[in-house]
PDB file of N, CA and C in Angstrom:
ATOM      1  N   MET A   1     109.335  52.999  92.966  1.00  0.00           N
ATOM      2  CA  MET A   1     109.399  54.420  92.675  1.00  0.00           C
ATOM      3  C   MET A   1     110.840  54.926  92.760  1.00  0.00           C
ATOM      4  N   ASP A   2     111.030  55.973  91.960  1.00  0.00           N
ATOM      5  CA  ASP A   2     112.362  56.582  91.944  1.00  0.00           C
ATOM      6  C   ASP A   2     112.446  57.589  93.095  1.00  0.00           C
ATOM      7  N   PRO A   3     113.482  57.511  93.980  1.00  0.00           N
ATOM      8  CA  PRO A   3     113.571  58.442  95.127  1.00  0.00           C
ATOM      9  C   PRO A   3     113.644  59.923  94.729  1.00  0.00           C
ATOM     10  N   LYS A   4     114.098  60.195  93.506  1.00  0.00           N
ATOM     11  CA  LYS A   4     114.219  61.646  93.072  1.00  0.00           C
ATOM     12  C   LYS A   4     112.838  62.276  92.956  1.00  0.00           C
ATOM     13  N   THR A   5     111.802  61.473  92.671  1.00  0.00           N
ATOM     14  CA  THR A   5     110.478  62.044  92.503  1.00  0.00           C
ATOM     15  C   THR A   5     109.870  62.367  93.819  1.00  0.00           C
ATOM     16  N   TRP A   6     110.402  61.825  94.910  1.00  0.00           N
ATOM     17  CA  TRP A   6     109.821  62.179  96.265  1.00  0.00           C
ATOM     18  C   TRP A   6     110.231  63.538  96.788  1.00  0.00           C
ATOM     19  N   ARG A   7     111.352  64.008  96.290  1.00  0.00           N
ATOM     20  CA  ARG A   7     111.883  65.248  96.821  1.00  0.00           C
ATOM     21  C   ARG A   7     111.006  66.428  96.485  1.00  0.00           C
ATOM     22  N   TYR A   8     110.948  67.406  97.435  1.00  0.00           N
ATOM     23  CA  TYR A   8     110.141  68.583  97.266  1.00  0.00           C
ATOM     24  C   TYR A   8     110.779  69.539  96.217  1.00  0.00           C
ATOM     25  N   ALA A   9     110.008  69.980  95.315  1.00  0.00           N
ATOM     26  CA  ALA A   9     110.490  70.965  94.278  1.00  0.00           C
ATOM     27  C   ALA A   9     109.608  72.155  94.416  1.00  0.00           C
ATOM     28  N   SER A  10     110.295  73.304  94.664  1.00  0.00           N
ATOM     29  CA  SER A  10     109.526  74.600  94.845  1.00  0.00           C
ATOM     30  C   SER A  10     108.935  74.965  93.543  1.00  0.00           C
ATOM     31  N   ARG A  11     107.672  75.400  93.573  1.00  0.00           N
ATOM     32  CA  ARG A  11     107.012  75.889  92.369  1.00  0.00           C
ATOM     33  C   ARG A  11     106.736  77.400  92.437  1.00  0.00           C
ATOM     34  N   ARG A  12     107.512  78.041  93.252  1.00  0.00           N
ATOM     35  CA  ARG A  12     107.383  79.517  93.451  1.00  0.00           C
ATOM     36  C   ARG A  12     107.788  80.244  92.186  1.00  0.00           C
ATOM     37  N   PRO A  13     106.972  81.160  91.728  1.00  0.00           N
ATOM     38  CA  PRO A  13     107.390  81.887  90.487  1.00  0.00           C
ATOM     39  C   PRO A  13     108.504  82.901  90.764  1.00  0.00           C
ATOM     40  N   ASP A  14     109.210  83.302  89.708  1.00  0.00           N
ATOM     41  CA  ASP A  14     110.301  84.178  89.825  1.00  0.00           C
ATOM     42  C   ASP A  14     109.813  85.583  90.173  1.00  0.00           C
ATOM     43  N   ASP A  15     110.409  86.227  91.220  1.00  0.00           N
ATOM     44  CA  ASP A  15     109.964  87.535  91.746  1.00  0.00           C
ATOM     45  C   ASP A  15     110.904  88.639  91.333  1.00  0.00           C
ATOM     46  N   ALA A  16     111.753  88.453  90.301  1.00  0.00           N
ATOM     47  CA  ALA A  16     112.768  89.442  89.941  1.00  0.00           C
ATOM     48  C   ALA A  16     112.120  90.813  89.607  1.00  0.00           C
ATOM     49  N   ALA A  17     111.020  90.796  88.911  1.00  0.00           N
ATOM     50  CA  ALA A  17     110.385  92.051  88.494  1.00  0.00           C
ATOM     51  C   ALA A  17     109.913  92.824  89.759  1.00  0.00           C
ATOM     52  N   VAL A  18     109.275  92.089  90.692  1.00  0.00           N
ATOM     53  CA  VAL A  18     108.710  92.672  91.875  1.00  0.00           C
ATOM     54  C   VAL A  18     109.876  93.176  92.731  1.00  0.00           C
ATOM     55  N   ARG A  19     110.960  92.398  92.858  1.00  0.00           N
ATOM     56  CA  ARG A  19     112.118  92.770  93.669  1.00  0.00           C
ATOM     57  C   ARG A  19     112.678  94.081  93.118  1.00  0.00           C
ATOM     58  N   GLY A  20     112.895  94.160  91.843  1.00  0.00           N
ATOM     59  CA  GLY A  20     113.515  95.318  91.236  1.00  0.00           C
ATOM     60  C   GLY A  20     112.631  96.571  91.408  1.00  0.00           C
ATOM     61  N   ARG A  21     111.332  96.442  91.222  1.00  0.00           N
ATOM     62  CA  ARG A  21     110.444  97.604  91.435  1.00  0.00           C
ATOM     63  C   ARG A  21     110.372  97.999  92.869  1.00  0.00           C
ATOM     64  N   LEU A  22     110.418  97.007  93.769  1.00  0.00           N
ATOM     65  CA  LEU A  22     110.412  97.264  95.216  1.00  0.00           C
ATOM     66  C   LEU A  22     111.636  98.097  95.611  1.00  0.00           C
ATOM     67  N   ARG A  23     112.824  97.693  95.054  1.00  0.00           N
ATOM     68  CA  ARG A  23     114.069  98.410  95.350  1.00  0.00           C
ATOM     69  C   ARG A  23     114.000  99.834  94.837  1.00  0.00           C
ATOM     70  N   GLU A  24     113.431 100.041  93.632  1.00  0.00           N
ATOM     71  CA  GLU A  24     113.305 101.352  93.008  1.00  0.00           C
ATOM     72  C   GLU A  24     112.417 102.265  93.847  1.00  0.00           C
ATOM     73  N   LEU A  25     111.270 101.769  94.247  1.00  0.00           N
ATOM     74  CA  LEU A  25     110.343 102.522  95.065  1.00  0.00           C
ATOM     75  C   LEU A  25     110.939 102.894  96.418  1.00  0.00           C
ATOM     76  N   ALA A  26     111.631 101.895  97.017  1.00  0.00           N
ATOM     77  CA  ALA A  26     112.215 102.111  98.346  1.00  0.00           C
ATOM     78  C   ALA A  26     113.350 103.202  98.260  1.00  0.00           C
ATOM     79  N   ALA A  27     114.057 103.243  97.173  1.00  0.00           N
ATOM     80  CA  ALA A  27     115.105 104.223  97.019  1.00  0.00           C
ATOM     81  C   ALA A  27     114.547 105.574  96.774  1.00  0.00           C
ATOM     82  N   GLU A  28     113.425 105.638  96.049  1.00  0.00           N
ATOM     83  CA  GLU A  28     112.705 106.885  95.740  1.00  0.00           C
ATOM     84  C   GLU A  28     112.062 107.461  97.016  1.00  0.00           C
ATOM     85  N   ARG A  29     111.368 106.625  97.742  1.00  0.00           N
ATOM     86  CA  ARG A  29     110.594 107.003  98.928  1.00  0.00           C
ATOM     87  C   ARG A  29     111.198 106.325 100.148  1.00  0.00           C
ATOM     88  N   ARG A  30     112.210 106.991 100.707  1.00  0.00           N
ATOM     89  CA  ARG A  30     112.999 106.378 101.769  1.00  0.00           C
ATOM     90  C   ARG A  30     112.280 106.190 103.079  1.00  0.00           C
ATOM     91  N   ARG A  31     111.250 106.959 103.354  1.00  0.00           N
ATOM     92  CA  ARG A  31     110.522 106.895 104.576  1.00  0.00           C
ATOM     93  C   ARG A  31     109.302 105.984 104.493  1.00  0.00           C
ATOM     94  N   PHE A  32     109.095 105.279 103.398  1.00  0.00           N
ATOM     95  CA  PHE A  32     107.988 104.354 103.268  1.00  0.00           C
ATOM     96  C   PHE A  32     108.403 102.981 103.684  1.00  0.00           C
ATOM     97  N   GLY A  33     107.602 102.333 104.538  1.00  0.00           N
ATOM     98  CA  GLY A  33     107.851 101.006 104.903  1.00  0.00           C
ATOM     99  C   GLY A  33     107.210 100.055 103.849  1.00  0.00           C
ATOM    100  N   TYR A  34     107.229  98.758 104.182  1.00  0.00           N
ATOM    101  CA  TYR A  34     106.696  97.777 103.206  1.00  0.00           C
ATOM    102  C   TYR A  34     105.201  97.898 102.998  1.00  0.00           C
ATOM    103  N   ARG A  35     104.464  98.363 104.049  1.00  0.00           N
ATOM    104  CA  ARG A  35     103.014  98.511 103.950  1.00  0.00           C
ATOM    105  C   ARG A  35     102.666  99.600 102.906  1.00  0.00           C
ATOM    106  N   ARG A  36     103.345 100.724 103.008  1.00  0.00           N
ATOM    107  CA  ARG A  36     103.017 101.818 102.070  1.00  0.00           C
ATOM    108  C   ARG A  36     103.541 101.500 100.666  1.00  0.00           C
ATOM    109  N   LEU A  37     104.661 100.781 100.571  1.00  0.00           N
ATOM    110  CA  LEU A  37     105.163 100.367  99.279  1.00  0.00           C
ATOM    111  C   LEU A  37     104.241  99.389  98.625  1.00  0.00           C
ATOM    112  N   GLN A  38     103.541  98.562  99.450  1.00  0.00           N
ATOM    113  CA  GLN A  38     102.555  97.614  98.906  1.00  0.00           C
ATOM    114  C   GLN A  38     101.395  98.344  98.183  1.00  0.00           C
ATOM    115  N   ILE A  39     100.988  99.476  98.775  1.00  0.00           N
ATOM    116  CA  ILE A  39      99.917 100.288  98.154  1.00  0.00           C
ATOM    117  C   ILE A  39     100.389 100.778  96.784  1.00  0.00           C
ATOM    118  N   LEU A  40     101.616 101.257  96.691  1.00  0.00           N
ATOM    119  CA  LEU A  40     102.138 101.741  95.435  1.00  0.00           C
ATOM    120  C   LEU A  40     102.285 100.623  94.407  1.00  0.00           C
ATOM    121  N   LEU A  41     102.695  99.461  94.875  1.00  0.00           N
ATOM    122  CA  LEU A  41     102.797  98.264  93.961  1.00  0.00           C
ATOM    123  C   LEU A  41     101.368  97.838  93.505  1.00  0.00           C
ATOM    124  N   ASP A  42     100.416  97.871  94.368  1.00  0.00           N
ATOM    125  CA  ASP A  42      99.046  97.482  94.045  1.00  0.00           C
ATOM    126  C   ASP A  42      98.532  98.432  92.926  1.00  0.00           C
ATOM    127  N   ARG A  43      98.811  99.704  93.050  1.00  0.00           N
ATOM    128  CA  ARG A  43      98.413 100.696  92.055  1.00  0.00           C
ATOM    129  C   ARG A  43      98.988 100.412  90.646  1.00  0.00           C
ATOM    130  N   GLU A  44     100.229  99.798  90.678  1.00  0.00           N
ATOM    131  CA  GLU A  44     100.880  99.534  89.401  1.00  0.00           C
ATOM    132  C   GLU A  44     100.436  98.149  88.896  1.00  0.00           C
ATOM    133  N   GLY A  45      99.560  97.423  89.664  1.00  0.00           N
ATOM    134  CA  GLY A  45      99.138  96.153  89.153  1.00  0.00           C
ATOM    135  C   GLY A  45      99.931  94.956  89.713  1.00  0.00           C
ATOM    136  N   LEU A  46     100.911  95.160  90.574  1.00  0.00           N
ATOM    137  CA  LEU A  46     101.682  94.132  91.157  1.00  0.00           C
ATOM    138  C   LEU A  46     101.106  93.707  92.520  1.00  0.00           C
ATOM    139  N   VAL A  47      99.966  93.031  92.514  1.00  0.00           N
ATOM    140  CA  VAL A  47      99.247  92.702  93.713  1.00  0.00           C
ATOM    141  C   VAL A  47      99.806  91.425  94.299  1.00  0.00           C
ATOM    142  N   MET A  48     100.069  91.448  95.624  1.00  0.00           N
ATOM    143  CA  MET A  48     100.559  90.253  96.271  1.00  0.00           C
ATOM    144  C   MET A  48     100.237  90.292  97.749  1.00  0.00           C
ATOM    145  N   ASN A  49     100.344  89.170  98.419  1.00  0.00           N
ATOM    146  CA  ASN A  49     100.069  88.981  99.795  1.00  0.00           C
ATOM    147  C   ASN A  49     101.075  89.837 100.625  1.00  0.00           C
ATOM    148  N   HIS A  50     100.598  90.447 101.727  1.00  0.00           N
ATOM    149  CA  HIS A  50     101.498  91.254 102.547  1.00  0.00           C
ATOM    150  C   HIS A  50     102.645  90.453 103.173  1.00  0.00           C
ATOM    151  N   LYS A  51     102.386  89.204 103.490  1.00  0.00           N
ATOM    152  CA  LYS A  51     103.427  88.332 104.105  1.00  0.00           C
ATOM    153  C   LYS A  51     104.498  88.037 103.061  1.00  0.00           C
ATOM    154  N   LYS A  52     104.164  87.828 101.825  1.00  0.00           N
ATOM    155  CA  LYS A  52     105.211  87.579 100.786  1.00  0.00           C
ATOM    156  C   LYS A  52     105.960  88.844 100.488  1.00  0.00           C
ATOM    157  N   LEU A  53     105.259  89.947 100.470  1.00  0.00           N
ATOM    158  CA  LEU A  53     105.958  91.259 100.248  1.00  0.00           C
ATOM    159  C   LEU A  53     106.914  91.575 101.328  1.00  0.00           C
ATOM    160  N   PHE A  54     106.561  91.285 102.574  1.00  0.00           N
ATOM    161  CA  PHE A  54     107.441  91.553 103.689  1.00  0.00           C
ATOM    162  C   PHE A  54     108.690  90.630 103.596  1.00  0.00           C
ATOM    163  N   ARG A  55     108.479  89.385 103.179  1.00  0.00           N
ATOM    164  CA  ARG A  55     109.647  88.480 103.007  1.00  0.00           C
ATOM    165  C   ARG A  55     110.553  88.991 101.948  1.00  0.00           C
ATOM    166  N   LEU A  56     110.069  89.495 100.816  1.00  0.00           N
ATOM    167  CA  LEU A  56     110.931  90.032  99.763  1.00  0.00           C
ATOM    168  C   LEU A  56     111.619  91.314 100.289  1.00  0.00           C
ATOM    169  N   TYR A  57     110.911  92.119 101.042  1.00  0.00           N
ATOM    170  CA  TYR A  57     111.386  93.399 101.500  1.00  0.00           C
ATOM    171  C   TYR A  57     112.577  93.120 102.410  1.00  0.00           C
ATOM    172  N   ARG A  58     112.494  92.162 103.270  1.00  0.00           N
ATOM    173  CA  ARG A  58     113.606  91.813 104.221  1.00  0.00           C
ATOM    174  C   ARG A  58     114.756  91.104 103.440  1.00  0.00           C
ATOM    175  N   GLU A  59     114.469  90.256 102.485  1.00  0.00           N
ATOM    176  CA  GLU A  59     115.512  89.580 101.721  1.00  0.00           C
ATOM    177  C   GLU A  59     116.271  90.586 100.935  1.00  0.00           C
ATOM    178  N   GLU A  60     115.692  91.630 100.486  1.00  0.00           N
ATOM    179  CA  GLU A  60     116.433  92.693  99.751  1.00  0.00           C
ATOM    180  C   GLU A  60     117.245  93.611 100.677  1.00  0.00           C
ATOM    181  N   GLY A  61     117.104  93.394 101.979  1.00  0.00           N
ATOM    182  CA  GLY A  61     117.850  94.190 102.984  1.00  0.00           C
ATOM    183  C   GLY A  61     117.314  95.563 103.160  1.00  0.00           C
ATOM    184  N   LEU A  62     116.028  95.743 102.843  1.00  0.00           N
ATOM    185  CA  LEU A  62     115.410  97.112 102.974  1.00  0.00           C
ATOM    186  C   LEU A  62     114.898  97.276 104.352  1.00  0.00           C
ATOM    187  N   SER A  63     114.832  98.567 104.761  1.00  0.00           N
ATOM    188  CA  SER A  63     114.219  98.970 106.011  1.00  0.00           C
ATOM    189  C   SER A  63     114.007 100.449 105.933  1.00  0.00           C
ATOM    190  N   VAL A  64     113.158 100.985 106.754  1.00  0.00           N
ATOM    191  CA  VAL A  64     112.868 102.396 106.807  1.00  0.00           C
ATOM    192  C   VAL A  64     114.089 103.098 107.377  1.00  0.00           C
ATOM    193  N   ARG A  65     114.540 104.172 106.722  1.00  0.00           N
ATOM    194  CA  ARG A  65     115.745 104.842 107.110  1.00  0.00           C
ATOM    195  C   ARG A  65     115.448 105.603 108.473  1.00  0.00           C
ATOM    196  N   LYS A  66     116.440 105.583 109.340  1.00  0.00           N
ATOM    197  CA  LYS A  66     116.266 106.243 110.625  1.00  0.00           C
ATOM    198  C   LYS A  66     116.355 107.756 110.422  1.00  0.00           C
ATOM    199  N   ARG A  67     115.584 108.458 111.230  1.00  0.00           N
ATOM    200  CA  ARG A  67     115.706 109.910 111.262  1.00  0.00           C
ATOM    201  C   ARG A  67     116.853 110.314 112.160  1.00  0.00           C
ATOM    202  N   GLY A  68     117.298 111.583 111.985  1.00  0.00           N
ATOM    203  CA  GLY A  68     118.344 112.076 112.840  1.00  0.00           C
ATOM    204  C   GLY A  68     117.885 112.264 114.281  1.00  0.00           C
ATOM    205  N   GLY A  69     118.806 112.191 115.265  1.00  0.00           N
ATOM    206  CA  GLY A  69     118.420 112.313 116.621  1.00  0.00           C
ATOM    207  C   GLY A  69     118.234 113.776 117.053  1.00  0.00           C
ATOM    208  N   ARG A  70     117.872 113.919 118.275  1.00  0.00           N
ATOM    209  CA  ARG A  70     117.639 115.284 118.842  1.00  0.00           C
ATOM    210  C   ARG A  70     118.985 115.968 119.105  1.00  0.00           C
ATOM    211  N   LYS A  71     119.076 117.196 118.720  1.00  0.00           N
ATOM    212  CA  LYS A  71     120.308 117.959 118.913  1.00  0.00           C
ATOM    213  C   LYS A  71     120.415 118.355 120.425  1.00  0.00           C
ATOM    214  N   ARG A  72     121.518 118.035 121.044  1.00  0.00           N
ATOM    215  CA  ARG A  72     121.674 118.344 122.479  1.00  0.00           C
ATOM    216  C   ARG A  72     122.715 119.440 122.585  1.00  0.00           C
ATOM    217  N   ALA A  73     122.524 120.234 123.675  1.00  0.00           N
ATOM    218  CA  ALA A  73     123.438 121.357 123.909  1.00  0.00           C
ATOM    219  C   ALA A  73     124.861 120.841 124.219  1.00  0.00           C
ATOM    220  N   MET A  74     125.826 121.563 123.668  1.00  0.00           N
ATOM    221  CA  MET A  74     127.207 121.144 123.866  1.00  0.00           C
ATOM    222  C   MET A  74     127.785 122.061 124.904  1.00  0.00           C
ATOM    223  N   GLY A  75     128.808 121.549 125.571  1.00  0.00           N
ATOM    224  CA  GLY A  75     129.568 122.320 126.576  1.00  0.00           C
ATOM    225  C   GLY A  75     129.040 122.144 127.989  1.00  0.00           C
ATOM    226  N   THR A  76     129.600 122.880 128.905  1.00  0.00           N
ATOM    227  CA  THR A  76     129.201 122.722 130.272  1.00  0.00           C
ATOM    228  C   THR A  76     128.190 123.819 130.710  1.00  0.00           C
ATOM    229  N   ARG A  77     127.329 123.530 131.589  1.00  0.00           N
ATOM    230  CA  ARG A  77     126.330 124.465 132.059  1.00  0.00           C
ATOM    231  C   ARG A  77     126.950 125.368 133.200  1.00  0.00           C
ATOM    232  N   SER A  78     126.373 126.515 133.336  1.00  0.00           N
ATOM    233  CA  SER A  78     126.863 127.370 134.459  1.00  0.00           C
ATOM    234  C   SER A  78     126.190 126.859 135.701  1.00  0.00           C
ATOM    235  N   PRO A  79     126.860 126.925 136.832  1.00  0.00           N
ATOM    236  CA  PRO A  79     126.287 126.433 138.076  1.00  0.00           C
ATOM    237  C   PRO A  79     125.038 127.242 138.488  1.00  0.00           C
ATOM    238  N   MET A  80     124.111 126.588 139.183  1.00  0.00           N
ATOM    239  CA  MET A  80     122.853 127.291 139.589  1.00  0.00           C
ATOM    240  C   MET A  80     123.191 128.318 140.690  1.00  0.00           C
ATOM    241  N   MET A  81     122.617 129.496 140.527  1.00  0.00           N
ATOM    242  CA  MET A  81     122.928 130.550 141.479  1.00  0.00           C
ATOM    243  C   MET A  81     122.190 130.291 142.839  1.00  0.00           C
ATOM    244  N   LEU A  82     122.899 130.590 143.877  1.00  0.00           N
ATOM    245  CA  LEU A  82     122.316 130.402 145.251  1.00  0.00           C
ATOM    246  C   LEU A  82     121.316 131.507 145.572  1.00  0.00           C
ATOM    247  N   PRO A  83     120.205 131.195 146.162  1.00  0.00           N
ATOM    248  CA  PRO A  83     119.191 132.205 146.477  1.00  0.00           C
ATOM    249  C   PRO A  83     119.666 133.139 147.626  1.00  0.00           C
ATOM    250  N   ASN A  84     119.314 134.374 147.492  1.00  0.00           N
ATOM    251  CA  ASN A  84     119.685 135.360 148.527  1.00  0.00           C
ATOM    252  C   ASN A  84     118.582 135.496 149.585  1.00  0.00           C
ATOM    253  N   GLY A  85     117.364 135.135 149.234  1.00  0.00           N
ATOM    254  CA  GLY A  85     116.217 135.312 150.166  1.00  0.00           C
ATOM    255  C   GLY A  85     115.143 134.303 149.792  1.00  0.00           C
ATOM    256  N   PRO A  86     113.978 134.382 150.431  1.00  0.00           N
ATOM    257  CA  PRO A  86     112.907 133.445 150.147  1.00  0.00           C
ATOM    258  C   PRO A  86     112.249 133.656 148.788  1.00  0.00           C
ATOM    259  N   ASN A  87     111.703 132.614 148.192  1.00  0.00           N
ATOM    260  CA  ASN A  87     110.978 132.593 146.888  1.00  0.00           C
ATOM    261  C   ASN A  87     111.854 133.119 145.719  1.00  0.00           C
ATOM    262  N   GLN A  88     113.115 132.797 145.748  1.00  0.00           N
ATOM    263  CA  GLN A  88     113.995 133.156 144.642  1.00  0.00           C
ATOM    264  C   GLN A  88     114.392 132.003 143.746  1.00  0.00           C
ATOM    265  N   ARG A  89     113.930 130.788 144.017  1.00  0.00           N
ATOM    266  CA  ARG A  89     114.349 129.666 143.149  1.00  0.00           C
ATOM    267  C   ARG A  89     113.134 128.981 142.635  1.00  0.00           C
TER     268      ARG A  89
END
């Protein structure tokens, strides 16, 4: 036997169409993760396994965009006033 025939050859189909559409949807809907994008792709007829979709999602460098943080007060606070009598603090 020829050793070249022993080697594994991937038979995975080309995912260029799915990758392109995934990138378009992710740019359009920035707060959607791969699970919600899968629902949109399913509606368009691009049905695939969630594990494969997650692999493509990560290979494209996609992730849910982070939201802005909580706004904190700037500057220094005034010192707490000292109580003059009972039940004042």
